Amino acid sequence: MENSNQNFQFKTNINCSGCVANVKPFLDNAVGNQNWSVDTTNKDKILTIQSAEISKEEVIATIQKAGYKIESLN
């Protein structure tokens, strides 16, 4: 059975385009540059990941390595 994309959402403190630029190399390396987005207009700064290649724990570790706070929403 083929592994389908999972959709994870996280509450973060990635709150501006500069912050997004800071995490971009970390996330692009971890999940690919088309597989994530941050809604900086949402008060919870929601990071959405769409990937079959990464676990929730790996996403959290990646964002923490980039120097940001993150908590899982699902």
N, C-alpha and C. Protein backbone atom coordinates (compact mmCIF):
# COMPACT_ATOMS: atom_id res chain seq x y z
N MET A 1 0.84 -1.19 0.00
CA MET A 1 0.00 0.00 0.00
C MET A 1 0.88 1.25 0.00
N GLU A 2 0.55 2.19 -0.83
CA GLU A 2 1.36 3.40 -0.97
C GLU A 2 1.08 4.37 0.18
N ASN A 3 2.12 5.01 0.62
CA ASN A 3 2.01 5.98 1.71
C ASN A 3 1.50 7.30 1.14
N SER A 4 0.33 7.75 1.60
CA SER A 4 -0.21 9.01 1.07
C SER A 4 0.25 10.18 1.94
N ASN A 5 0.14 11.37 1.36
CA ASN A 5 0.53 12.57 2.10
C ASN A 5 -0.29 12.73 3.36
N GLN A 6 0.40 13.09 4.42
CA GLN A 6 -0.28 13.43 5.66
C GLN A 6 -0.33 14.94 5.76
N ASN A 7 -1.33 15.42 6.46
CA ASN A 7 -1.50 16.85 6.64
C ASN A 7 -1.38 17.16 8.13
N PHE A 8 -0.29 17.79 8.53
CA PHE A 8 -0.07 18.16 9.91
C PHE A 8 -0.23 19.66 10.07
N GLN A 9 -0.77 20.07 11.21
CA GLN A 9 -0.83 21.50 11.50
C GLN A 9 -0.23 21.76 12.88
N PHE A 10 0.46 22.88 12.98
CA PHE A 10 1.17 23.24 14.21
C PHE A 10 0.95 24.71 14.51
N LYS A 11 0.87 25.01 15.80
CA LYS A 11 0.86 26.39 16.26
C LYS A 11 2.32 26.79 16.46
N THR A 12 2.71 27.95 15.93
CA THR A 12 4.12 28.35 16.00
C THR A 12 4.24 29.82 16.41
N ASN A 13 5.46 30.28 16.55
CA ASN A 13 5.71 31.72 16.72
C ASN A 13 6.46 32.27 15.50
N ILE A 14 6.22 31.67 14.34
CA ILE A 14 6.77 32.15 13.07
C ILE A 14 5.81 33.24 12.57
N ASN A 15 6.10 34.51 12.92
CA ASN A 15 5.04 35.51 12.76
C ASN A 15 5.24 36.57 11.68
N CYS A 16 6.26 36.44 10.85
CA CYS A 16 6.44 37.43 9.78
C CYS A 16 7.20 36.79 8.62
N SER A 17 7.29 37.53 7.52
CA SER A 17 7.97 36.99 6.34
C SER A 17 9.45 36.74 6.62
N GLY A 18 10.05 37.55 7.50
CA GLY A 18 11.45 37.32 7.88
C GLY A 18 11.62 36.01 8.61
N CYS A 19 10.66 35.70 9.50
CA CYS A 19 10.69 34.41 10.22
C CYS A 19 10.52 33.25 9.24
N VAL A 20 9.59 33.41 8.31
CA VAL A 20 9.37 32.36 7.30
C VAL A 20 10.66 32.14 6.51
N ALA A 21 11.35 33.23 6.16
CA ALA A 21 12.62 33.12 5.43
C ALA A 21 13.67 32.38 6.27
N ASN A 22 13.64 32.59 7.58
CA ASN A 22 14.59 31.90 8.46
C ASN A 22 14.35 30.40 8.52
N VAL A 23 13.08 29.98 8.53
CA VAL A 23 12.79 28.54 8.63
C VAL A 23 12.79 27.85 7.27
N LYS A 24 12.71 28.63 6.20
CA LYS A 24 12.61 28.06 4.85
C LYS A 24 13.70 27.03 4.54
N PRO A 25 14.99 27.33 4.77
CA PRO A 25 15.99 26.31 4.43
C PRO A 25 15.83 25.02 5.25
N PHE A 26 15.41 25.16 6.50
CA PHE A 26 15.22 23.98 7.35
C PHE A 26 14.05 23.13 6.82
N LEU A 27 12.91 23.79 6.54
CA LEU A 27 11.73 23.05 6.07
C LEU A 27 11.90 22.54 4.65
N ASP A 28 12.52 23.33 3.78
CA ASP A 28 12.75 22.87 2.41
C ASP A 28 13.59 21.60 2.43
N ASN A 29 14.59 21.58 3.28
CA ASN A 29 15.46 20.42 3.39
C ASN A 29 14.71 19.22 3.97
N ALA A 30 13.81 19.46 4.92
CA ALA A 30 13.10 18.37 5.60
C ALA A 30 11.92 17.83 4.80
N VAL A 31 11.14 18.71 4.17
CA VAL A 31 9.90 18.25 3.51
C VAL A 31 9.76 18.68 2.05
N GLY A 32 10.66 19.50 1.55
CA GLY A 32 10.53 20.00 0.17
C GLY A 32 9.80 21.33 0.16
N ASN A 33 10.16 22.20 -0.76
CA ASN A 33 9.68 23.58 -0.69
C ASN A 33 8.23 23.79 -1.10
N GLN A 34 7.58 22.80 -1.69
CA GLN A 34 6.16 22.95 -2.06
C GLN A 34 5.23 22.32 -1.03
N ASN A 35 5.79 21.75 0.05
CA ASN A 35 4.98 20.94 0.95
C ASN A 35 4.68 21.57 2.29
N TRP A 36 4.88 22.88 2.41
CA TRP A 36 4.60 23.53 3.69
C TRP A 36 4.20 24.98 3.47
N SER A 37 3.49 25.52 4.46
CA SER A 37 3.13 26.94 4.44
C SER A 37 2.87 27.40 5.87
N VAL A 38 3.04 28.70 6.09
CA VAL A 38 2.75 29.30 7.39
C VAL A 38 1.72 30.39 7.17
N ASP A 39 0.62 30.32 7.91
CA ASP A 39 -0.40 31.36 7.84
C ASP A 39 -0.08 32.41 8.90
N THR A 40 0.69 33.43 8.50
CA THR A 40 1.11 34.46 9.46
C THR A 40 -0.03 35.43 9.80
N THR A 41 -1.16 35.35 9.07
CA THR A 41 -2.31 36.20 9.39
C THR A 41 -3.15 35.60 10.50
N ASN A 42 -3.01 34.30 10.75
CA ASN A 42 -3.73 33.62 11.83
C ASN A 42 -3.03 33.94 13.15
N LYS A 43 -3.79 34.20 14.21
CA LYS A 43 -3.18 34.57 15.50
C LYS A 43 -2.28 33.46 16.04
N ASP A 44 -2.53 32.21 15.64
CA ASP A 44 -1.71 31.08 16.10
C ASP A 44 -0.57 30.74 15.15
N LYS A 45 -0.41 31.53 14.06
CA LYS A 45 0.70 31.35 13.10
C LYS A 45 0.80 29.88 12.68
N ILE A 46 -0.25 29.39 12.04
CA ILE A 46 -0.38 27.97 11.73
C ILE A 46 0.58 27.54 10.62
N LEU A 47 1.41 26.56 10.96
CA LEU A 47 2.28 25.90 9.99
C LEU A 47 1.57 24.64 9.52
N THR A 48 1.40 24.50 8.21
CA THR A 48 0.79 23.31 7.63
C THR A 48 1.85 22.57 6.83
N ILE A 49 1.96 21.27 7.10
CA ILE A 49 2.91 20.41 6.40
C ILE A 49 2.11 19.35 5.65
N GLN A 50 2.43 19.14 4.38
CA GLN A 50 1.81 18.06 3.60
C GLN A 50 2.92 17.18 3.07
N SER A 51 3.10 16.04 3.71
CA SER A 51 4.20 15.15 3.31
C SER A 51 3.98 13.76 3.87
N ALA A 52 4.36 12.76 3.10
CA ALA A 52 4.35 11.39 3.58
C ALA A 52 5.72 11.01 4.11
N GLU A 53 6.68 11.91 3.97
CA GLU A 53 8.08 11.59 4.23
C GLU A 53 8.56 11.97 5.63
N ILE A 54 7.73 12.63 6.43
CA ILE A 54 8.23 13.17 7.69
C ILE A 54 7.20 12.93 8.79
N SER A 55 7.69 12.72 9.99
CA SER A 55 6.79 12.53 11.13
C SER A 55 6.56 13.87 11.83
N LYS A 56 5.53 13.91 12.65
CA LYS A 56 5.23 15.10 13.45
C LYS A 56 6.43 15.49 14.31
N GLU A 57 7.06 14.48 14.91
CA GLU A 57 8.22 14.72 15.78
C GLU A 57 9.38 15.34 15.01
N GLU A 58 9.58 14.89 13.78
CA GLU A 58 10.66 15.44 12.94
C GLU A 58 10.38 16.90 12.58
N VAL A 59 9.12 17.23 12.32
CA VAL A 59 8.76 18.62 12.03
C VAL A 59 9.06 19.49 13.25
N ILE A 60 8.64 19.04 14.42
CA ILE A 60 8.86 19.79 15.65
C ILE A 60 10.36 20.00 15.88
N ALA A 61 11.15 18.94 15.70
CA ALA A 61 12.61 19.06 15.88
C ALA A 61 13.21 20.05 14.88
N THR A 62 12.72 20.03 13.64
CA THR A 62 13.22 20.92 12.59
C THR A 62 12.96 22.38 12.95
N ILE A 63 11.75 22.68 13.39
CA ILE A 63 11.39 24.07 13.73
C ILE A 63 12.16 24.52 14.97
N GLN A 64 12.31 23.64 15.94
CA GLN A 64 13.07 23.99 17.14
C GLN A 64 14.54 24.24 16.80
N LYS A 65 15.07 23.46 15.87
CA LYS A 65 16.45 23.65 15.43
C LYS A 65 16.62 25.02 14.76
N ALA A 66 15.56 25.48 14.10
CA ALA A 66 15.57 26.79 13.45
C ALA A 66 15.40 27.92 14.48
N GLY A 67 15.07 27.55 15.72
CA GLY A 67 14.99 28.55 16.78
C GLY A 67 13.59 29.06 17.08
N TYR A 68 12.57 28.32 16.67
CA TYR A 68 11.19 28.76 16.88
C TYR A 68 10.44 27.79 17.77
N LYS A 69 9.33 28.29 18.34
CA LYS A 69 8.46 27.47 19.16
C LYS A 69 7.42 26.82 18.26
N ILE A 70 7.00 25.62 18.65
CA ILE A 70 6.03 24.88 17.84
C ILE A 70 5.29 23.90 18.74
N GLU A 71 3.97 23.76 18.48
CA GLU A 71 3.21 22.71 19.16
C GLU A 71 2.20 22.13 18.19
N SER A 72 1.98 20.84 18.28
CA SER A 72 1.10 20.13 17.36
C SER A 72 -0.35 20.47 17.62
N LEU A 73 -1.13 20.62 16.55
CA LEU A 73 -2.56 20.84 16.67
C LEU A 73 -3.37 19.60 16.32
N ASN A 74 -2.75 18.61 15.69
CA ASN A 74 -3.50 17.40 15.34
C ASN A 74 -2.67 16.16 15.48
